[in-house]
Protein backbone atom coordinates (compact mmCIF):
# COMPACT_ATOMS: atom_id res chain seq x y z
CA MET A 1 34.81 -15.37 55.41
CA LEU A 2 35.78 -14.42 52.27
CA THR A 3 32.56 -13.14 50.20
CA THR A 4 32.72 -12.80 46.71
CA TYR A 5 30.71 -10.74 45.39
CA ILE A 6 28.93 -10.72 42.22
CA ILE A 7 27.33 -7.67 40.89
CA GLY A 8 26.14 -5.59 37.61
CA HIS A 9 25.83 -2.14 36.48
CA GLN A 10 25.04 1.38 38.16
CA LYS A 11 20.97 2.01 37.40
CA PRO A 12 20.57 -2.18 36.75
CA ASP A 13 17.69 -3.24 34.33
CA THR A 14 16.12 -6.99 35.06
CA ASP A 15 18.84 -8.82 33.37
CA SER A 16 21.62 -6.40 35.78
CA VAL A 17 19.95 -7.94 38.42
CA VAL A 18 18.87 -11.45 37.56
CA SER A 19 22.16 -12.79 36.34
CA ALA A 20 23.94 -11.63 39.53
CA MET A 21 20.94 -13.78 41.08
CA ALA A 22 21.37 -16.39 38.93
CA LEU A 23 25.56 -16.79 38.47
CA GLU A 24 24.70 -16.37 42.74
CA TYR A 25 23.17 -19.95 42.25
CA LEU A 26 24.97 -21.55 39.33
CA TYR A 27 27.85 -21.13 41.99
CA GLN A 28 26.68 -22.39 45.29
CA GLN A 29 25.56 -25.51 42.96
CA ALA A 30 28.68 -26.31 40.76
CA THR A 31 31.42 -25.58 43.64
CA CYS A 32 34.31 -26.41 40.32
CA PHE A 33 34.31 -22.84 40.23
CA GLY A 34 35.94 -22.40 43.31
CA TYR A 35 34.39 -19.05 44.68
CA SER A 36 33.60 -18.87 47.93
CA ASN A 37 30.41 -17.41 49.80
CA PRO A 38 29.17 -16.27 46.71
CA ARG A 39 26.76 -13.27 46.99
CA ALA A 40 24.41 -11.45 44.77
CA VAL A 41 24.16 -7.59 45.28
CA LEU A 42 22.98 -4.15 43.43
CA ALA A 43 24.73 -1.22 42.08
CA ASP A 44 21.86 0.49 42.81
CA PRO A 45 18.45 0.19 43.67
CA ILE A 46 16.06 -1.54 41.34
CA ASN A 47 13.69 -0.26 38.73
CA GLY A 48 9.99 -1.12 38.32
CA GLU A 49 10.00 -3.12 36.57
CA THR A 50 12.51 -5.79 37.88
CA ALA A 51 10.34 -4.90 40.94
CA TYR A 52 7.54 -6.17 39.46
CA LEU A 53 8.90 -9.57 38.24
CA LEU A 54 10.40 -9.77 42.03
CA ASP A 55 6.79 -9.98 43.46
CA ARG A 56 4.90 -11.61 40.90
CA PHE A 57 7.60 -14.45 41.56
CA LYS A 58 7.71 -13.99 45.25
CA VAL A 59 11.19 -13.90 45.47
CA GLU A 60 13.39 -11.19 47.43
CA SER A 61 15.94 -8.43 45.72
CA PRO A 62 19.33 -8.91 46.44
CA PRO A 63 20.60 -6.12 48.76
CA VAL A 64 22.15 -2.94 47.40
CA LEU A 65 26.40 -2.68 48.14
CA SER A 66 26.28 0.48 50.13
CA SER A 67 29.96 -0.09 51.74
CA LEU A 68 33.66 -0.68 50.66
CA ILE A 69 34.03 -3.92 50.66
CA LYS A 70 36.68 -6.19 52.25
CA PRO A 71 40.74 -6.25 51.09
CA GLN A 72 40.59 -10.31 51.08
CA ASP A 73 36.96 -9.81 49.71
CA GLN A 74 37.05 -10.65 45.32
CA VAL A 75 33.95 -8.99 42.59
CA VAL A 76 32.70 -11.14 39.76
CA LEU A 77 31.31 -8.34 37.60
CA VAL A 78 28.04 -9.47 35.18
CA ASP A 79 26.37 -7.26 32.38
CA HIS A 80 28.81 -4.82 32.36
CA ASN A 81 33.11 -4.31 32.33
CA GLU A 82 33.03 -0.57 31.64
CA VAL A 83 34.49 1.14 34.47
CA SER A 84 31.97 4.23 34.42
CA GLN A 85 29.39 1.52 34.79
CA ARG A 86 30.56 -0.13 37.79
CA SER A 87 30.16 0.10 41.55
CA THR A 88 32.47 2.63 43.41
CA PHE A 89 32.97 0.22 46.46
CA PHE A 90 35.34 -2.32 45.17
CA ASP A 91 38.81 -1.68 43.55
CA GLN A 92 39.74 -2.93 40.10
CA GLU A 93 42.40 -5.57 41.35
CA GLN A 94 39.35 -7.37 43.54
CA ILE A 95 37.77 -8.29 39.98
CA VAL A 96 38.47 -11.95 39.27
CA GLU A 97 36.09 -12.88 36.60
CA ILE A 98 33.44 -11.32 34.47
CA VAL A 99 30.24 -12.65 32.37
CA ASP A 100 29.25 -10.27 29.95
CA HIS A 101 27.39 -9.64 26.33
CA HIS A 102 28.52 -5.87 25.86
CA LYS A 103 31.78 -4.80 24.21
CA ALA A 104 34.67 -4.95 25.76
CA ASN A 105 36.25 -2.11 27.35
CA LEU A 106 39.36 -3.10 29.49
CA ASN A 107 42.54 -2.40 30.60
CA LEU A 108 43.51 -4.89 34.02
CA SER A 109 46.65 -5.27 35.40
CA LYS A 110 46.26 -9.19 35.33
CA PRO A 111 45.11 -12.06 34.30
CA ILE A 112 41.56 -12.53 34.74
CA PHE A 113 38.30 -15.21 33.80
CA LEU A 114 36.52 -13.66 30.98
CA THR A 115 33.16 -14.53 29.53
CA PHE A 116 31.56 -12.74 26.47
CA LYS A 117 29.39 -13.97 23.91
CA THR A 118 27.25 -11.71 21.53
CA TRP A 119 23.96 -12.91 22.97
CA GLY A 120 20.94 -10.78 23.20
CA SER A 121 20.52 -11.35 27.34
CA SER A 122 23.54 -12.00 30.08
CA SER A 123 21.27 -14.48 31.98
CA SER A 124 21.71 -16.49 28.51
CA ILE A 125 25.52 -16.76 28.60
CA ILE A 126 24.40 -17.61 32.44
CA TYR A 127 21.96 -20.61 31.28
CA PHE A 128 24.66 -21.43 28.75
CA LEU A 129 26.96 -21.95 31.67
CA MET A 130 24.23 -23.54 34.17
CA LYS A 131 23.73 -26.58 31.46
CA ARG A 132 27.81 -27.04 30.75
CA SER A 133 27.76 -27.53 34.49
CA ASP A 134 24.49 -29.75 35.01
CA VAL A 135 22.59 -27.15 36.89
CA THR A 136 19.10 -26.60 36.56
CA PRO A 137 17.26 -23.11 37.98
CA THR A 138 14.71 -23.90 40.28
CA LYS A 139 11.48 -22.67 38.71
CA LYS A 140 11.22 -19.22 40.26
CA LEU A 141 14.79 -18.59 38.81
CA ALA A 142 14.01 -20.10 35.34
CA SER A 143 10.96 -17.18 35.59
CA LEU A 144 13.43 -14.38 36.28
CA MET A 145 16.06 -15.96 34.28
CA LEU A 146 13.22 -15.69 31.22
CA ALA A 147 12.11 -12.52 31.87
CA ALA A 148 15.61 -11.15 31.65
CA ILE A 149 15.96 -12.70 28.07
CA LEU A 150 12.47 -11.45 26.77
CA SER A 151 13.20 -8.13 28.75
CA ASP A 152 16.63 -7.81 27.01
CA THR A 153 15.68 -8.39 23.73
CA VAL A 154 11.89 -6.69 24.02
CA GLY A 155 10.37 -9.78 23.44
CA LEU A 156 13.07 -11.49 21.10
CA LYS A 157 12.23 -8.61 18.38
CA SER A 158 15.52 -6.94 19.20
CA PRO A 159 18.07 -7.29 16.59
CA THR A 160 20.87 -8.54 19.56
CA THR A 161 18.27 -11.45 19.92
CA CYS A 162 20.39 -14.66 18.35
CA GLU A 163 19.43 -18.34 18.62
CA GLN A 164 20.79 -19.10 21.79
CA ASP A 165 18.26 -16.33 22.94
CA LYS A 166 15.28 -18.08 21.37
CA LYS A 167 16.17 -21.43 22.08
CA PHE A 168 17.16 -21.11 25.86
CA ALA A 169 14.15 -18.73 26.14
CA LYS A 170 12.07 -21.90 25.08
CA GLU A 171 13.50 -24.13 28.01
CA LEU A 172 13.75 -21.95 30.59
CA ALA A 173 9.49 -21.11 29.40
CA LYS A 174 8.96 -25.51 29.80
CA ILE A 175 11.17 -24.78 33.69
CA ALA A 176 9.03 -21.92 34.58
CA GLN A 177 5.47 -23.62 34.13
CA ILE A 178 4.95 -20.25 31.73
CA ASP A 179 3.33 -21.61 27.81
CA ASP A 180 2.75 -17.91 26.43
CA LEU A 181 5.87 -16.01 26.06
CA ASN A 182 3.75 -13.34 23.75
CA ALA A 183 1.26 -12.63 27.05
CA PHE A 184 4.05 -12.66 29.34
CA SER A 185 6.54 -10.67 27.31
CA LEU A 186 3.72 -8.06 27.14
CA ASP A 187 3.10 -8.41 30.89
CA ILE A 188 6.74 -7.45 31.18
CA PHE A 189 6.57 -4.54 29.04
CA LYS A 190 3.84 -2.83 30.76
CA ALA A 191 5.54 -3.08 33.82
CA LYS A 192 8.58 -1.26 32.02
CA SER A 193 6.11 1.26 30.51
CA ASP A 194 5.22 2.56 33.77
CA ILE A 195 6.66 5.44 34.36
CA SER A 196 3.50 7.38 36.26
CA LYS A 197 5.01 7.75 39.79
CA LEU A 198 8.76 8.98 38.38
CA SER A 199 10.37 12.66 38.25
CA PRO A 200 11.21 13.99 34.82
CA THR A 201 14.97 13.23 36.13
CA GLN A 202 13.78 10.06 36.78
CA ILE A 203 12.83 8.81 33.59
CA VAL A 204 15.89 10.26 32.19
CA LYS A 205 17.81 8.36 34.30
CA ASN A 206 15.63 5.41 35.13
CA ASP A 207 17.96 3.01 32.17
CA TYR A 208 21.01 4.91 31.04
CA LYS A 209 25.01 3.97 30.70
CA LEU A 210 28.05 6.07 29.88
CA PHE A 211 30.17 5.76 27.30
CA GLU A 212 33.63 6.16 26.68
CA PHE A 213 33.38 7.84 23.16
CA THR A 214 36.09 9.97 22.04
CA GLN A 215 33.51 12.36 24.76
CA PRO A 216 31.84 11.33 27.61
CA THR A 217 28.44 10.42 26.49
CA PHE A 218 25.34 10.07 27.94
CA ILE A 219 22.53 7.66 26.57
CA GLY A 220 19.21 6.94 28.40
CA GLN A 221 16.96 4.84 27.39
CA ILE A 222 12.65 4.76 27.66
CA GLU A 223 10.83 1.47 26.34
CA THR A 224 7.19 1.92 26.48
CA VAL A 225 4.25 1.57 24.75
CA GLU A 226 2.98 4.87 25.19
CA GLN A 227 5.97 6.88 23.13
CA GLU A 228 3.62 9.64 21.32
CA ARG A 229 1.86 10.52 24.62
CA LEU A 230 5.15 10.45 26.77
CA LEU A 231 6.59 13.18 24.10
CA LYS A 232 3.04 15.16 23.87
CA GLU A 233 3.17 16.07 27.92
CA LYS A 234 7.06 15.45 29.02
CA LYS A 235 9.07 16.98 26.33
CA GLN A 236 9.41 20.38 28.10
CA GLU A 237 10.23 18.33 31.64
CA LEU A 238 12.70 15.95 30.13
CA LEU A 239 14.76 18.61 28.36
CA ALA A 240 14.75 20.71 31.40
CA ALA A 241 15.87 17.38 33.70
CA MET A 242 18.37 16.42 30.53
CA SER A 243 20.12 20.24 30.47
CA GLU A 244 20.48 19.35 34.42
CA ILE A 245 21.92 16.06 34.21
CA LYS A 246 24.09 16.79 31.10
CA LYS A 247 25.40 19.33 33.91
CA THR A 248 25.66 16.84 37.12
CA GLU A 249 27.34 13.60 35.04
CA LYS A 250 29.92 15.84 33.38
CA VAL A 251 29.11 14.49 30.11
CA ASP A 252 29.63 16.51 26.21
CA TYR A 253 26.69 14.56 25.08
CA LEU A 254 23.58 13.79 26.35
CA PHE A 255 20.93 11.62 24.25
CA LEU A 256 17.30 10.11 25.38
CA ALA A 257 15.88 7.40 23.07
CA VAL A 258 12.08 6.99 23.64
CA THR A 259 11.06 3.15 22.34
CA ASP A 260 7.81 2.09 21.48
CA ILE A 261 8.49 -1.61 21.76
CA LEU A 262 4.85 -2.23 19.96
CA LYS A 263 5.75 -0.09 17.01
CA VAL A 264 9.25 -0.98 16.78
CA ASN A 265 10.38 2.72 16.76
CA THR A 266 12.35 5.00 18.36
CA LYS A 267 12.45 8.82 18.81
CA LEU A 268 15.59 11.06 19.97
CA VAL A 269 15.05 13.46 22.40
CA ILE A 270 17.70 16.43 21.52
CA LEU A 271 18.94 18.68 23.82
CA SER A 272 20.85 21.53 21.71
CA GLU A 273 22.57 22.17 18.46
CA ASP A 274 25.07 19.82 19.52
CA GLU A 275 23.59 17.01 20.10
CA GLN A 276 21.80 17.71 17.17
CA GLN A 277 24.42 17.77 14.72
CA ILE A 278 25.87 13.89 15.77
CA ALA A 279 22.09 12.83 15.45
CA GLN A 280 21.57 13.74 12.37
CA LYS A 281 24.95 12.70 11.31
CA ALA A 282 24.31 9.31 12.90
CA PHE A 283 20.77 8.54 11.84
CA GLY A 284 19.91 11.46 8.92
CA GLY A 285 16.36 12.56 9.13
CA SER A 286 15.74 16.18 10.15
CA THR A 287 15.75 17.33 14.15
CA GLU A 288 11.51 19.27 14.85
CA ASP A 289 11.13 20.25 18.04
CA ASN A 290 13.72 18.79 19.61
CA ILE A 291 12.88 14.99 18.55
CA LEU A 292 14.55 13.20 15.72
CA ASP A 293 12.72 9.51 15.07
CA ILE A 294 15.33 7.08 13.83
CA GLY A 295 13.06 4.76 13.06
CA ALA A 296 12.71 0.79 13.56
CA LYS A 297 15.58 0.88 16.04
CA LEU A 298 15.29 -0.46 19.83
CA SER A 299 18.93 -1.65 20.66
CA ARG A 300 21.11 0.99 22.19
CA LYS A 301 24.07 -1.92 22.41
CA LYS A 302 23.90 -2.75 18.09
CA GLU A 303 21.82 0.12 17.22
CA ILE A 304 22.08 3.64 18.93
CA ALA A 305 25.15 4.00 20.59
CA PRO A 306 27.57 2.68 18.04
CA ALA A 307 26.16 5.09 15.30
CA ILE A 308 26.42 7.54 17.98
CA GLU A 309 30.49 6.80 18.21
CA SER A 310 30.58 6.38 14.78
CA ALA A 311 29.58 9.83 14.17
CA MET A 312 32.10 11.54 16.49
CA LYS A 313 34.72 10.05 14.73
CA LYS A 314 33.80 11.47 11.38
């Protein structure tokens, strides 16, 4: 039997995991999409925030795709599209659809279905598709979709947030019977910030993306409520881990953004003179003790990565 695998990006965040689960549910309920045996899978194991949410709402995690899929099976990508962020267990020719809210970077040999929207979360896009198909998520799924929107938009505060995200968050909160969005967001932030059990390497790679700029670039991001403490206690260990990761990932530049969710501030951990030149060109200011304060920036996608890419072109 042909299977349609639905998969998010490597090192999945909550939106990537939940989007795959939500799209699986939509395809099951609305057969007009025409996908046989839709199955949500992961490119890598879930992070601590997602584990907390799945446990809170008593939902089982999708399995990690760990071997090549059959040649006759097909793939739907969600929350990503770039080759560098995809699982390696399928061929590009097996991709039949992409649902994403990031910049497109595609070179495909055949037409496929594409749904791209400039919204703050892929879960917002999938809820929109549900509404168009008269499909209502279950209470548990609505809770997770709400959490994914709040996580990706930093409690609806990120500059990536749009009116659709806010509208859909309210609608999903009603289905989920969650009355206090601020309190729920704070719970998510606390789970996201808990890196106490992670090694320095795991912290750097907890949430990262590889970008195909003019030179290969790794941008990691830690969202926390204890920015100063993290940088004071872990900076040297993080720099050592970053140096090793730069070699193993074979990138020319590596940046780590440490974002204080509550204070709305990001500081970049600067590894070397190469990163310092690009970062200061991108954001201004001066680096002190391997730290560059880039101010009230929250979004890697909209505020950090584009500025770094632009600086590389100058």
